[in-house]
């Protein structure tokens, strides 16, 4: 991931800190990152995503991209990431206070990026 397109998200409670990829006027997170964000398991996130696609709430092809991620072993791996639409859908299903905090933050950052062309 290009470092100039990464912004840092810190939850209000200080328990979650994520590097959020900003690309194509949206934010992108992996299932693992969503689990940290929503304070749940990656399996729980995966289950909600599966149901979101099964119920045709969102089209998987339109809300996913693969990005290279450097793992702790120093190797790069292609990891599926989900855009803000998918993140919000999962957040509503999990219905956590951290999810609400993130939706407010992400909307603010996207508006700032669209208006100014950059995010502070």
N, C-alpha and C. Protein backbone atom coordinates (compact mmCIF):
# COMPACT_ATOMS: atom_id res chain seq x y z
N UNK A 1 0.84 -1.18 0.00
CA UNK A 1 0.00 0.00 0.00
C UNK A 1 0.88 1.24 0.00
N UNK A 2 0.49 2.24 -0.74
CA UNK A 2 1.23 3.49 -0.78
C UNK A 2 0.97 4.26 0.50
N UNK A 3 2.05 4.68 1.14
CA UNK A 3 1.92 5.34 2.44
C UNK A 3 1.18 6.67 2.37
N UNK A 4 1.23 7.36 1.22
CA UNK A 4 0.56 8.65 1.14
C UNK A 4 -0.95 8.50 1.03
N UNK A 5 -1.45 7.29 0.92
CA UNK A 5 -2.88 7.06 0.84
C UNK A 5 -3.39 6.31 2.07
N UNK A 6 -2.64 6.38 3.13
CA UNK A 6 -3.04 5.73 4.37
C UNK A 6 -3.29 6.81 5.42
N UNK A 7 -4.43 6.72 6.08
CA UNK A 7 -4.73 7.62 7.18
C UNK A 7 -4.93 6.77 8.44
N UNK A 8 -4.70 7.36 9.57
CA UNK A 8 -4.78 6.63 10.83
C UNK A 8 -6.13 6.90 11.49
N UNK A 9 -6.77 5.82 11.91
CA UNK A 9 -8.02 5.93 12.66
C UNK A 9 -7.75 5.48 14.09
N UNK A 10 -8.11 6.30 15.05
CA UNK A 10 -8.05 5.95 16.47
C UNK A 10 -9.46 6.02 17.03
N UNK A 11 -9.90 4.94 17.67
CA UNK A 11 -11.23 4.96 18.28
C UNK A 11 -11.25 5.93 19.45
N UNK A 12 -12.43 6.43 19.78
CA UNK A 12 -12.56 7.37 20.89
C UNK A 12 -12.13 6.77 22.21
N UNK A 13 -12.33 5.45 22.36
CA UNK A 13 -11.94 4.81 23.62
C UNK A 13 -10.45 4.45 23.65
N UNK A 14 -9.74 4.70 22.55
CA UNK A 14 -8.31 4.43 22.49
C UNK A 14 -7.94 2.97 22.34
N UNK A 15 -8.92 2.11 22.22
CA UNK A 15 -8.66 0.67 22.14
C UNK A 15 -8.34 0.19 20.73
N UNK A 16 -8.74 0.94 19.72
CA UNK A 16 -8.50 0.51 18.34
C UNK A 16 -7.73 1.58 17.59
N UNK A 17 -6.65 1.16 16.94
CA UNK A 17 -5.88 2.05 16.08
C UNK A 17 -5.65 1.30 14.78
N UNK A 18 -6.07 1.90 13.68
CA UNK A 18 -5.97 1.23 12.38
C UNK A 18 -5.35 2.14 11.35
N UNK A 19 -4.55 1.54 10.47
CA UNK A 19 -4.11 2.23 9.26
C UNK A 19 -5.18 1.96 8.22
N UNK A 20 -5.82 3.02 7.76
CA UNK A 20 -6.94 2.90 6.84
C UNK A 20 -6.48 3.33 5.45
N UNK A 21 -6.67 2.46 4.47
CA UNK A 21 -6.31 2.77 3.10
C UNK A 21 -7.37 3.66 2.48
N UNK A 22 -6.95 4.76 1.89
CA UNK A 22 -7.84 5.68 1.19
C UNK A 22 -7.52 5.59 -0.29
N UNK A 23 -8.47 5.10 -1.08
CA UNK A 23 -8.27 4.87 -2.51
C UNK A 23 -9.61 5.00 -3.22
N UNK A 24 -9.62 5.64 -4.37
CA UNK A 24 -10.85 5.79 -5.17
C UNK A 24 -12.00 6.41 -4.38
N UNK A 25 -11.70 7.43 -3.60
CA UNK A 25 -12.68 8.19 -2.83
C UNK A 25 -13.47 7.35 -1.83
N UNK A 26 -12.83 6.32 -1.30
CA UNK A 26 -13.43 5.52 -0.24
C UNK A 26 -12.33 4.96 0.64
N UNK A 27 -12.69 4.39 1.76
CA UNK A 27 -11.72 3.74 2.63
C UNK A 27 -11.85 2.23 2.45
N UNK A 28 -10.76 1.52 2.72
CA UNK A 28 -10.70 0.08 2.54
C UNK A 28 -10.12 -0.58 3.78
N UNK A 29 -10.77 -1.65 4.25
CA UNK A 29 -10.29 -2.44 5.37
C UNK A 29 -10.39 -3.92 5.04
N UNK A 30 -9.48 -4.71 5.61
CA UNK A 30 -9.58 -6.17 5.51
C UNK A 30 -10.56 -6.67 6.58
N UNK A 31 -10.89 -7.95 6.51
CA UNK A 31 -11.77 -8.52 7.55
C UNK A 31 -11.11 -8.42 8.92
N UNK A 32 -9.81 -8.66 8.96
CA UNK A 32 -9.09 -8.59 10.23
C UNK A 32 -9.15 -7.17 10.81
N UNK A 33 -8.98 -6.17 9.96
CA UNK A 33 -9.06 -4.78 10.43
C UNK A 33 -10.47 -4.44 10.91
N UNK A 34 -11.48 -4.94 10.19
CA UNK A 34 -12.86 -4.69 10.64
C UNK A 34 -13.12 -5.32 12.00
N UNK A 35 -12.53 -6.50 12.24
CA UNK A 35 -12.70 -7.16 13.54
C UNK A 35 -12.12 -6.30 14.66
N UNK A 36 -10.96 -5.70 14.41
CA UNK A 36 -10.36 -4.79 15.40
C UNK A 36 -11.26 -3.58 15.59
N UNK A 37 -11.70 -3.03 14.47
CA UNK A 37 -12.55 -1.84 14.50
C UNK A 37 -13.82 -2.05 15.32
N UNK A 38 -14.50 -3.17 15.06
CA UNK A 38 -15.79 -3.43 15.69
C UNK A 38 -15.69 -4.24 16.97
N UNK A 39 -14.45 -4.55 17.39
CA UNK A 39 -14.22 -5.30 18.63
C UNK A 39 -14.96 -6.63 18.62
N UNK A 40 -14.71 -7.40 17.55
CA UNK A 40 -15.32 -8.73 17.41
C UNK A 40 -14.32 -9.64 16.70
N UNK A 41 -14.72 -10.85 16.38
CA UNK A 41 -13.82 -11.78 15.70
C UNK A 41 -13.89 -11.59 14.18
N UNK A 42 -12.81 -11.97 13.50
CA UNK A 42 -12.79 -11.93 12.04
C UNK A 42 -13.84 -12.89 11.48
N UNK A 43 -14.09 -13.99 12.18
CA UNK A 43 -15.14 -14.93 11.75
C UNK A 43 -16.51 -14.27 11.77
N UNK A 44 -16.77 -13.46 12.78
CA UNK A 44 -18.04 -12.74 12.88
C UNK A 44 -18.19 -11.77 11.71
N UNK A 45 -17.12 -11.04 11.40
CA UNK A 45 -17.14 -10.13 10.25
C UNK A 45 -17.40 -10.91 8.97
N UNK A 46 -16.70 -12.03 8.80
CA UNK A 46 -16.87 -12.86 7.60
C UNK A 46 -18.29 -13.38 7.45
N UNK A 47 -18.90 -13.77 8.55
CA UNK A 47 -20.29 -14.25 8.52
C UNK A 47 -21.23 -13.15 8.06
N UNK A 48 -21.06 -11.95 8.60
CA UNK A 48 -21.91 -10.83 8.19
C UNK A 48 -21.70 -10.48 6.72
N UNK A 49 -20.44 -10.49 6.26
CA UNK A 49 -20.18 -10.20 4.85
C UNK A 49 -20.84 -11.25 3.95
N UNK A 50 -20.72 -12.50 4.34
CA UNK A 50 -21.34 -13.58 3.56
C UNK A 50 -22.85 -13.34 3.43
N UNK A 51 -23.50 -12.98 4.52
CA UNK A 51 -24.94 -12.72 4.49
C UNK A 51 -25.28 -11.47 3.69
N UNK A 52 -24.45 -10.44 3.79
CA UNK A 52 -24.67 -9.21 3.02
C UNK A 52 -24.67 -9.52 1.53
N UNK A 53 -23.74 -10.35 1.09
CA UNK A 53 -23.67 -10.70 -0.34
C UNK A 53 -24.77 -11.68 -0.72
N UNK A 54 -25.08 -12.63 0.16
CA UNK A 54 -26.14 -13.61 -0.11
C UNK A 54 -27.50 -12.94 -0.25
N UNK A 55 -27.75 -11.92 0.57
CA UNK A 55 -29.03 -11.20 0.55
C UNK A 55 -29.06 -10.10 -0.51
N UNK A 56 -27.98 -10.00 -1.29
CA UNK A 56 -27.87 -8.99 -2.36
C UNK A 56 -27.98 -7.56 -1.84
N UNK A 57 -27.60 -7.35 -0.59
CA UNK A 57 -27.53 -5.98 -0.07
C UNK A 57 -26.45 -5.21 -0.82
N UNK A 58 -25.33 -5.91 -1.07
CA UNK A 58 -24.23 -5.36 -1.85
C UNK A 58 -23.71 -6.44 -2.79
N UNK A 59 -23.09 -6.02 -3.88
CA UNK A 59 -22.44 -6.94 -4.80
C UNK A 59 -20.98 -7.07 -4.40
N UNK A 60 -20.53 -8.28 -4.16
CA UNK A 60 -19.16 -8.49 -3.70
C UNK A 60 -18.14 -7.88 -4.65
N UNK A 61 -18.37 -8.02 -5.95
CA UNK A 61 -17.42 -7.49 -6.94
C UNK A 61 -17.30 -5.98 -6.89
N UNK A 62 -18.34 -5.29 -6.46
CA UNK A 62 -18.30 -3.83 -6.46
C UNK A 62 -17.74 -3.23 -5.17
N UNK A 63 -17.58 -4.04 -4.13
CA UNK A 63 -17.12 -3.50 -2.85
C UNK A 63 -15.81 -4.13 -2.36
N UNK A 64 -15.15 -4.94 -3.20
CA UNK A 64 -13.91 -5.58 -2.79
C UNK A 64 -12.78 -5.29 -3.77
N UNK A 65 -11.58 -5.24 -3.24
CA UNK A 65 -10.34 -5.10 -4.00
C UNK A 65 -9.26 -5.87 -3.25
N UNK A 66 -8.30 -6.39 -4.00
CA UNK A 66 -7.15 -7.03 -3.37
C UNK A 66 -5.99 -6.05 -3.35
N UNK A 67 -5.35 -5.92 -2.19
CA UNK A 67 -4.19 -5.05 -2.03
C UNK A 67 -3.05 -5.86 -1.44
N UNK A 68 -1.82 -5.50 -1.80
CA UNK A 68 -0.64 -6.14 -1.22
C UNK A 68 -0.43 -5.62 0.19
N UNK A 69 -0.22 -6.56 1.09
CA UNK A 69 0.03 -6.23 2.49
C UNK A 69 1.31 -6.94 2.91
N UNK A 70 2.19 -6.24 3.60
CA UNK A 70 3.42 -6.84 4.10
C UNK A 70 3.14 -7.44 5.47
N UNK A 71 3.36 -8.74 5.58
CA UNK A 71 3.11 -9.45 6.84
C UNK A 71 4.32 -9.34 7.76
N UNK A 72 4.17 -9.85 8.96
CA UNK A 72 5.26 -9.79 9.95
C UNK A 72 6.48 -10.58 9.50
N UNK A 73 6.30 -11.54 8.56
CA UNK A 73 7.44 -12.30 8.04
C UNK A 73 8.18 -11.55 6.93
N UNK A 74 7.72 -10.33 6.63
CA UNK A 74 8.37 -9.51 5.61
C UNK A 74 7.90 -9.79 4.19
N UNK A 75 7.05 -10.77 4.01
CA UNK A 75 6.54 -11.11 2.68
C UNK A 75 5.28 -10.32 2.37
N UNK A 76 5.07 -10.09 1.08
CA UNK A 76 3.85 -9.41 0.63
C UNK A 76 2.80 -10.44 0.25
N UNK A 77 1.58 -10.19 0.67
CA UNK A 77 0.46 -11.06 0.37
C UNK A 77 -0.69 -10.22 -0.17
N UNK A 78 -1.46 -10.81 -1.09
CA UNK A 78 -2.67 -10.15 -1.58
C UNK A 78 -3.78 -10.44 -0.58
N UNK A 79 -4.38 -9.38 -0.06
CA UNK A 79 -5.44 -9.52 0.95
C UNK A 79 -6.67 -8.79 0.44
N UNK A 80 -7.82 -9.45 0.56
CA UNK A 80 -9.07 -8.83 0.14
C UNK A 80 -9.45 -7.73 1.12
N UNK A 81 -9.77 -6.57 0.57
CA UNK A 81 -10.22 -5.43 1.36
C UNK A 81 -11.63 -5.05 0.93
N UNK A 82 -12.35 -4.43 1.83
CA UNK A 82 -13.75 -4.07 1.61
C UNK A 82 -13.90 -2.57 1.74
N UNK A 83 -14.72 -1.97 0.87
CA UNK A 83 -14.86 -0.51 0.89
C UNK A 83 -15.84 -0.06 1.98
N UNK A 84 -16.01 1.26 2.04
CA UNK A 84 -16.83 1.84 3.10
C UNK A 84 -18.26 1.32 3.10
N UNK A 85 -18.83 1.07 1.93
CA UNK A 85 -20.20 0.53 1.89
C UNK A 85 -20.28 -0.79 2.65
N UNK A 86 -19.30 -1.67 2.41
CA UNK A 86 -19.29 -2.96 3.10
C UNK A 86 -19.01 -2.79 4.59
N UNK A 87 -18.08 -1.90 4.91
CA UNK A 87 -17.73 -1.65 6.31
C UNK A 87 -18.96 -1.15 7.08
N UNK A 88 -19.67 -0.22 6.48
CA UNK A 88 -20.87 0.32 7.13
C UNK A 88 -21.94 -0.76 7.28
N UNK A 89 -22.12 -1.58 6.25
CA UNK A 89 -23.11 -2.67 6.33
C UNK A 89 -22.78 -3.63 7.46
N UNK A 90 -21.51 -3.99 7.58
CA UNK A 90 -21.09 -4.87 8.67
C UNK A 90 -21.30 -4.16 10.01
N UNK A 91 -20.94 -2.88 10.06
CA UNK A 91 -21.09 -2.11 11.30
C UNK A 91 -22.52 -2.04 11.79
N UNK A 92 -23.46 -1.88 10.87
CA UNK A 92 -24.87 -1.85 11.28
C UNK A 92 -25.32 -3.21 11.80
N UNK A 93 -24.79 -4.27 11.22
CA UNK A 93 -25.19 -5.61 11.67
C UNK A 93 -24.58 -5.95 13.02
N UNK A 94 -23.36 -5.53 13.24
CA UNK A 94 -22.71 -5.78 14.52
C UNK A 94 -23.25 -4.81 15.57
N UNK A 95 -23.57 -3.61 15.13
CA UNK A 95 -24.22 -2.61 15.98
C UNK A 95 -23.42 -2.32 17.25
N UNK A 96 -22.17 -1.94 17.06
CA UNK A 96 -21.33 -1.60 18.21
C UNK A 96 -21.11 -0.09 18.27
N UNK A 97 -20.77 0.39 19.44
CA UNK A 97 -20.50 1.83 19.57
C UNK A 97 -19.27 2.21 18.77
N UNK A 98 -18.29 1.30 18.67
CA UNK A 98 -17.12 1.59 17.85
C UNK A 98 -17.49 1.70 16.39
N UNK A 99 -18.45 0.92 15.95
CA UNK A 99 -18.91 1.02 14.57
C UNK A 99 -19.51 2.38 14.27
N UNK A 100 -20.31 2.87 15.19
CA UNK A 100 -20.91 4.19 15.03
C UNK A 100 -19.84 5.26 15.00
N UNK A 101 -18.87 5.17 15.89
CA UNK A 101 -17.77 6.13 15.91
C UNK A 101 -17.04 6.14 14.57
N UNK A 102 -16.79 4.94 14.03
CA UNK A 102 -16.06 4.85 12.76
C UNK A 102 -16.86 5.46 11.62
N UNK A 103 -18.14 5.18 11.55
CA UNK A 103 -18.96 5.72 10.45
C UNK A 103 -18.92 7.25 10.46
N UNK A 104 -19.00 7.84 11.63
CA UNK A 104 -18.94 9.31 11.74
C UNK A 104 -17.57 9.81 11.27
N UNK A 105 -16.51 9.16 11.74
CA UNK A 105 -15.15 9.56 11.37
C UNK A 105 -14.91 9.42 9.87
N UNK A 106 -15.29 8.27 9.31
CA UNK A 106 -15.04 8.01 7.89
C UNK A 106 -15.78 9.00 7.00
N UNK A 107 -17.01 9.29 7.33
CA UNK A 107 -17.78 10.26 6.55
C UNK A 107 -17.11 11.62 6.59
N UNK A 108 -16.65 12.03 7.75
CA UNK A 108 -15.96 13.32 7.89
C UNK A 108 -14.69 13.35 7.05
N UNK A 109 -13.89 12.29 7.11
CA UNK A 109 -12.63 12.24 6.36
C UNK A 109 -12.86 12.22 4.86
N UNK A 110 -13.86 11.48 4.41
CA UNK A 110 -14.16 11.44 2.98
C UNK A 110 -14.61 12.80 2.48
N UNK A 111 -15.46 13.47 3.24
CA UNK A 111 -15.90 14.81 2.84
C UNK A 111 -14.71 15.75 2.75
N UNK A 112 -13.83 15.68 3.74
CA UNK A 112 -12.64 16.52 3.76
C UNK A 112 -11.76 16.25 2.53
N UNK A 113 -11.58 14.98 2.21
CA UNK A 113 -10.76 14.59 1.06
C UNK A 113 -11.38 15.08 -0.25
N UNK A 114 -12.67 14.90 -0.39
CA UNK A 114 -13.36 15.30 -1.62
C UNK A 114 -13.33 16.82 -1.79
N UNK A 115 -13.52 17.56 -0.71
CA UNK A 115 -13.56 19.02 -0.78
C UNK A 115 -12.15 19.61 -0.95
N UNK A 116 -11.20 19.14 -0.13
CA UNK A 116 -9.86 19.73 -0.12
C UNK A 116 -8.87 19.02 -1.03
N UNK A 117 -9.13 17.74 -1.32
CA UNK A 117 -8.18 16.95 -2.11
C UNK A 117 -7.10 16.29 -1.26
N UNK A 118 -7.18 16.48 0.06
CA UNK A 118 -6.25 15.84 0.98
C UNK A 118 -6.91 15.73 2.35
N UNK A 119 -6.30 14.92 3.22
CA UNK A 119 -6.83 14.72 4.57
C UNK A 119 -5.72 15.01 5.56
N UNK A 120 -6.05 15.72 6.62
CA UNK A 120 -5.07 16.01 7.69
C UNK A 120 -5.18 14.96 8.76
